[in-house]
Every structure is written in structure tokens, then in C-alpha cells.
């Protein structure tokens, strides 16, 4: 069985605290993941760098982003062009489909962040053209402060004709893999097939409670505000800290 985490943030998100290289290092060597998705907020800036570095770390990367739709956050996967924010859920899903990608509903009904309602997800799924694009729902999110809401989300997710996935929603590297998705195979292509056929299984991690957020995220976030982020200079090297201005790699836009 393969293991994937499809909701990870890096320094290319305003609230991410780790470089692309640090994310790849932790995901491969510590979380033991086969596939990850880089899903920075409304940005694909880190995609080029992630795809370029991933083979050196022995892990496969799915290009994507977490899109801020008018109805809540949506994970756009297998896209190498930016998806506009602010569109309706329906219009966003259709745009992702035009780009050859698929979608997962991120942290539905979660408090404290912009989240889709199950009613809106169900409404969009009534349109036949969306069903091959919106293929999954985050039944477990290991990075939410309010992890106690996950059991209700998991129950509601079972009522939808969608693949159920677990993700970390990691903003610090230690959270990577705290929610994950099991699938038959090891590759991104096999994972996509599993998502499209509903053949995935949620793997739950410990998640982050309020104390974990204070203890882990806030110090890293403050360091980010001061211009320092977690960095890995080489696949075999230990983690270190580096100036944000020095860790940004491939900056080219992948937009057509």
C-alpha cells in the first residue's frame, strides 16, 4: 500500500514555515510517504522547485494549490497553472477540470478557516459534469486546531459519493503525515486512479491540539516573520534555518 499526504504548505504560502527541500526531506525520511501534494494558498510558485527537487529525495510530488473559492477552500491537484481565487465552487471545479486536474474538498465545515459546507459540496455534485473532477473529501485533517470536529466530518463524508482522504494540512514539517491517505500502488498516477474510483483509505495521525499549535506553530511562524525558515541544504543533510530570501528556488511561473 502507498501512503500520501495531499495537503502541505511551504514558504510559498503566507503562513508556511518550511522550504520545499525541508518538506521533501521530512516527508520522505520521517513520515515515510510515497507521494505528497504541495498545496500552497492560491499559489503554484513552489511547484517548479518541488518537481525539480523531488527525485533527489526519493518521493513523488503532485503539483497543486489550495484555492480560496467563494464558498470555501478547495484542493486543486495535478494542475501546473494557477487557479483564480474568488470563483464559486462550481466554477473553480470546472476550471481545475479544464487544466486536467482533480479536486478534493478541504477541511469541510472546519471552524476558524474558510471551509466548504457539506450542503454546497452536495449541491455541486448534482451537476454531472463535476463528478469526474471533484473526486474526494478530506475526512480527516491532522492540522486542525479543532480536531474534535473530525469524527462528525468523517461520518458526513461517508454520505458523499467521493473518495475519503486523510491529510495533514501541515504548516510546520512535524505535522506532515499526521493525516494521510492509503492507496494501492506507490505512484502519483496510481493514487489519482484510486481517488477517481473511491479506492482510498484514511490513515489518522494524532492531529494538533491547541497546546501543540502554541508549542510548534507559533514559534516557527514568528521565525518566518523575522525572515527565517526551516531549510534542508542537501538530501543527506540535517535540517537547519536559512533566510527566506536565500531559500526560494525556481521562481518561474508555470502559467501558460
Protein backbone atom coordinates (compact mmCIF):
# COMPACT_ATOMS: atom_id res chain seq x y z
CA UNK A 1 0.00 0.00 0.00
CA UNK A 2 1.15 3.50 -0.82
CA UNK A 3 0.87 6.45 1.54
CA UNK A 4 0.20 10.06 0.56
CA UNK A 5 -0.34 13.44 2.17
CA UNK A 6 -2.16 15.75 -0.22
CA UNK A 7 -2.37 18.97 1.81
CA UNK A 8 1.01 20.52 2.66
CA UNK A 9 2.07 24.18 2.87
CA UNK A 10 5.54 25.62 2.32
CA UNK A 11 7.18 29.07 2.37
CA UNK A 12 5.22 29.84 -0.78
CA UNK A 13 2.17 30.15 1.48
CA UNK A 14 1.95 33.26 3.65
CA UNK A 15 1.61 31.00 6.69
CA UNK A 16 4.07 28.24 5.75
CA UNK A 17 7.28 27.84 7.75
CA UNK A 18 9.43 25.34 5.81
CA UNK A 19 11.21 25.36 2.48
CA UNK A 20 10.36 22.95 -0.31
CA UNK A 21 13.54 20.98 0.42
CA UNK A 22 12.70 20.65 4.13
CA UNK A 23 9.20 19.43 3.31
CA UNK A 24 10.57 16.82 0.91
CA UNK A 25 13.19 15.67 3.41
CA UNK A 26 10.71 15.22 6.25
CA UNK A 27 8.01 13.63 4.08
CA UNK A 28 10.39 11.03 2.64
CA UNK A 29 12.70 10.24 5.57
CA UNK A 30 10.50 10.74 8.63
CA UNK A 31 6.85 10.46 7.55
CA UNK A 32 7.73 7.66 5.09
CA UNK A 33 5.36 8.95 2.44
CA UNK A 34 5.39 7.84 -1.19
CA UNK A 35 3.53 10.82 -2.64
CA UNK A 36 2.82 14.34 -1.45
CA UNK A 37 0.98 17.31 -2.88
CA UNK A 38 2.29 20.84 -2.48
CA UNK A 39 -0.84 22.93 -1.94
CA UNK A 40 0.12 26.47 -1.05
CA UNK A 41 -2.60 29.05 -0.67
CA UNK A 42 -3.68 30.34 -4.09
CA UNK A 43 -0.16 29.82 -5.41
CA UNK A 44 1.78 27.42 -7.62
CA UNK A 45 5.06 29.29 -7.19
CA UNK A 46 6.69 26.36 -5.39
CA UNK A 47 5.58 23.71 -7.86
CA UNK A 48 8.54 24.08 -10.22
CA UNK A 49 11.04 23.79 -7.36
CA UNK A 50 9.23 20.80 -5.83
CA UNK A 51 9.11 18.87 -9.10
CA UNK A 52 12.76 19.63 -9.73
CA UNK A 53 13.99 18.51 -6.29
CA UNK A 54 11.65 15.56 -5.60
CA UNK A 55 13.72 12.84 -7.37
CA UNK A 56 16.72 13.65 -5.17
CA UNK A 57 14.62 12.88 -2.10
CA UNK A 58 13.05 9.69 -3.49
CA UNK A 59 9.48 10.98 -3.32
CA UNK A 60 6.87 11.90 -5.92
CA UNK A 61 5.19 15.31 -5.92
CA UNK A 62 1.74 16.23 -7.20
CA UNK A 63 1.54 19.87 -8.30
CA UNK A 64 -1.38 21.74 -6.84
CA UNK A 65 -2.70 24.54 -4.67
CA UNK A 66 -5.32 25.26 -2.02
CA UNK A 67 -7.75 27.53 -3.82
CA UNK A 68 -9.86 30.09 -1.95
CA UNK A 69 -13.22 29.72 -3.65
CA UNK A 70 -16.13 31.99 -2.81
CA UNK A 71 -17.61 29.03 -0.89
CA UNK A 72 -14.53 27.76 0.97
CA UNK A 73 -11.15 26.15 0.42
CA UNK A 74 -10.64 23.52 -2.27
CA UNK A 75 -7.56 21.43 -3.06
CA UNK A 76 -6.68 21.53 -6.76
CA UNK A 77 -4.38 18.64 -7.68
CA UNK A 78 -2.45 17.76 -10.84
CA UNK A 79 -2.50 21.38 -12.02
CA UNK A 80 0.54 23.33 -13.15
CA UNK A 81 -1.26 26.59 -13.77
CA UNK A 82 -2.73 28.98 -11.23
CA UNK A 83 -6.44 28.65 -10.50
CA UNK A 84 -8.13 32.04 -9.84
CA UNK A 85 -9.40 32.61 -6.32
CA UNK A 86 -12.82 34.02 -5.53
CA UNK A 87 -14.81 31.97 -8.01
CA UNK A 88 -17.77 29.87 -6.94
CA UNK A 89 -17.11 26.25 -6.03
CA UNK A 90 -18.73 25.10 -9.28
CA UNK A 91 -16.69 27.47 -11.46
CA UNK A 92 -13.48 26.55 -9.62
CA UNK A 93 -14.08 22.84 -10.08
CA UNK A 94 -14.73 23.33 -13.78
CA UNK A 95 -11.58 25.44 -14.17
CA UNK A 96 -9.50 22.70 -12.49
CA UNK A 97 -11.03 20.19 -14.89
CA UNK A 98 -10.06 22.35 -17.86
CA UNK A 99 -6.47 22.25 -16.60
CA UNK A 100 -6.54 18.46 -16.44
CA UNK A 101 -6.73 18.30 -12.65
CA UNK A 102 -8.96 16.90 -9.95
CA UNK A 103 -10.30 18.38 -6.70
CA UNK A 104 -10.63 17.45 -3.05
CA UNK A 105 -12.85 19.35 -0.62
CA UNK A 106 -10.52 20.61 2.12
CA UNK A 107 -11.48 20.52 5.83
CA UNK A 108 -15.28 20.82 5.27
CA UNK A 109 -17.16 22.72 8.00
CA UNK A 110 -13.94 23.42 9.95
CA UNK A 111 -14.08 26.39 12.29
CA UNK A 112 -11.50 29.15 12.17
CA UNK A 113 -10.80 28.86 8.45
CA UNK A 114 -12.71 29.24 5.19
CA UNK A 115 -14.38 25.88 4.68
CA UNK A 116 -16.92 24.33 2.37
CA UNK A 117 -20.22 23.16 3.75
CA UNK A 118 -21.41 19.65 3.02
CA UNK A 119 -24.56 21.18 1.56
CA UNK A 120 -22.53 23.14 -1.01
CA UNK A 121 -20.43 20.08 -1.90
CA UNK A 122 -23.59 18.02 -2.39
CA UNK A 123 -25.17 20.78 -4.47
CA UNK A 124 -22.23 20.93 -6.87
CA UNK A 125 -22.13 17.15 -7.18
CA UNK A 126 -25.67 17.20 -8.54
CA UNK A 127 -24.23 18.51 -11.80
CA UNK A 128 -22.93 15.53 -13.83
CA UNK A 129 -20.02 17.48 -15.30
CA UNK A 130 -18.42 17.95 -11.87
CA UNK A 131 -18.38 14.34 -10.74
CA UNK A 132 -15.20 13.36 -12.57
CA UNK A 133 -13.36 16.41 -11.24
CA UNK A 134 -14.45 16.79 -7.62
CA UNK A 135 -13.47 13.29 -6.56
CA UNK A 136 -12.52 13.46 -2.87
CA UNK A 137 -13.30 14.91 0.52
CA UNK A 138 -10.94 15.43 3.44
CA UNK A 139 -12.49 13.11 6.01
CA UNK A 140 -9.59 13.67 8.41
CA UNK A 141 -7.40 16.76 8.74
CA UNK A 142 -4.48 16.33 11.13
CA UNK A 143 -3.59 20.02 11.26
CA UNK A 144 -6.83 21.50 12.52
CA UNK A 145 -6.90 23.07 15.95
CA UNK A 146 -10.44 21.75 16.41
CA UNK A 147 -9.65 18.10 15.79
CA UNK A 148 -12.68 17.06 17.82
CA UNK A 149 -14.85 18.03 14.86
CA UNK A 150 -13.22 15.32 12.73
CA UNK A 151 -15.48 12.40 13.81
CA UNK A 152 -18.58 14.27 12.63
CA UNK A 153 -16.84 15.24 9.39
CA UNK A 154 -15.81 11.63 8.82
CA UNK A 155 -19.39 10.45 9.30
CA UNK A 156 -20.79 13.08 6.91
CA UNK A 157 -18.08 12.31 4.35
CA UNK A 158 -19.34 8.74 4.11
CA UNK A 159 -22.66 10.06 2.80
CA UNK A 160 -21.00 11.60 -0.25
CA UNK A 161 -20.05 9.66 -3.42
CA UNK A 162 -16.43 10.74 -3.01
CA UNK A 163 -13.10 9.19 -2.08
CA UNK A 164 -12.29 9.77 1.57
CA UNK A 165 -8.81 11.06 2.27
CA UNK A 166 -6.70 11.95 5.26
CA UNK A 167 -4.31 14.89 5.08
CA UNK A 168 -2.08 16.82 7.46
CA UNK A 169 -2.72 20.42 6.33
CA UNK A 170 0.84 20.86 7.55
CA UNK A 171 2.22 24.35 8.16
CA UNK A 172 5.23 23.01 10.11
CA UNK A 173 7.23 19.99 8.98
CA UNK A 174 6.48 17.97 12.15
CA UNK A 175 2.81 17.86 11.14
CA UNK A 176 3.47 16.21 7.77
CA UNK A 177 1.87 12.77 7.67
CA UNK A 178 -0.29 13.35 10.76
CA UNK A 179 -3.17 12.75 8.40
CA UNK A 180 -2.57 10.58 5.34
CA UNK A 181 -4.23 8.54 2.60
CA UNK A 182 -3.60 4.88 1.85
CA UNK A 183 -3.93 3.61 -1.72
CA UNK A 184 -2.97 0.60 -3.80
CA UNK A 185 0.31 1.32 -5.57
CA UNK A 186 3.13 3.75 -4.93
CA UNK A 187 2.94 6.40 -7.65
CA UNK A 188 1.03 9.62 -8.20
CA UNK A 189 -0.69 8.08 -11.23
CA UNK A 190 -1.88 5.13 -9.15
CA UNK A 191 -3.06 7.50 -6.44
CA UNK A 192 -5.05 9.51 -8.95
CA UNK A 193 -6.73 6.33 -10.18
CA UNK A 194 -7.58 5.39 -6.58
CA UNK A 195 -9.08 8.82 -5.95
CA UNK A 196 -11.16 8.70 -9.10
CA UNK A 197 -12.56 5.27 -8.22
CA UNK A 198 -13.02 5.90 -4.49
CA UNK A 199 -10.42 3.27 -3.57
CA UNK A 200 -8.64 5.17 -0.80
CA UNK A 201 -8.47 4.77 2.95
CA UNK A 202 -7.92 7.36 5.66
CA UNK A 203 -4.95 6.99 7.99
CA UNK A 204 -5.36 9.09 11.11
CA UNK A 205 -2.50 10.70 12.95
CA UNK A 206 -2.51 12.34 16.35
CA UNK A 207 -3.53 15.70 14.93
CA UNK A 208 -2.73 19.01 16.57
CA UNK A 209 -4.46 20.17 19.72
CA UNK A 210 -4.36 23.74 20.95
CA UNK A 211 -1.21 23.20 23.00
CA UNK A 212 0.61 21.68 20.02
CA UNK A 213 -0.21 24.75 17.96
CA UNK A 214 1.25 27.03 20.64
CA UNK A 215 4.30 24.84 21.11
CA UNK A 216 5.10 24.18 17.45
CA UNK A 217 3.45 26.51 15.03
CA UNK A 218 3.68 29.88 16.76
CA UNK A 219 7.49 29.80 17.27
CA UNK A 220 8.02 28.75 13.67
CA UNK A 221 5.59 31.38 12.45
CA UNK A 222 7.38 34.09 14.43
CA UNK A 223 10.68 32.95 12.93
CA UNK A 224 9.07 33.18 9.49
CA UNK A 225 8.02 36.77 10.23
CA UNK A 226 11.64 37.51 11.09
CA UNK A 227 12.74 36.06 7.77
CA UNK A 228 13.96 32.61 8.86
CA UNK A 229 12.52 29.23 7.80
CA UNK A 230 13.31 25.54 8.20
CA UNK A 231 15.65 24.52 5.39
CA UNK A 232 17.47 21.44 4.12
CA UNK A 233 20.63 22.19 2.12
CA UNK A 234 21.07 18.64 0.79
CA UNK A 235 19.04 15.38 0.84
CA UNK A 236 21.55 13.80 3.24
CA UNK A 237 21.99 16.89 5.43
CA UNK A 238 20.22 17.74 8.67
CA UNK A 239 17.64 20.48 8.93
CA UNK A 240 18.85 23.99 9.53
CA UNK A 241 17.47 27.54 9.37
CA UNK A 242 18.02 29.91 6.49
CA UNK A 243 16.96 33.35 5.39
CA UNK A 244 13.77 33.26 3.37
CA UNK A 245 15.41 35.32 0.62
CA UNK A 246 18.02 32.58 0.12
CA UNK A 247 15.73 29.53 0.01
CA UNK A 248 13.37 30.47 -2.78
CA UNK A 249 14.36 28.34 -5.73
CA UNK A 250 12.65 28.09 -9.09
CA UNK A 251 10.50 31.22 -9.29
CA UNK A 252 9.26 30.92 -12.84
CA UNK A 253 5.53 30.97 -13.41
CA UNK A 254 4.03 27.82 -14.89
CA UNK A 255 1.05 29.70 -16.20
CA UNK A 256 0.54 29.46 -19.94
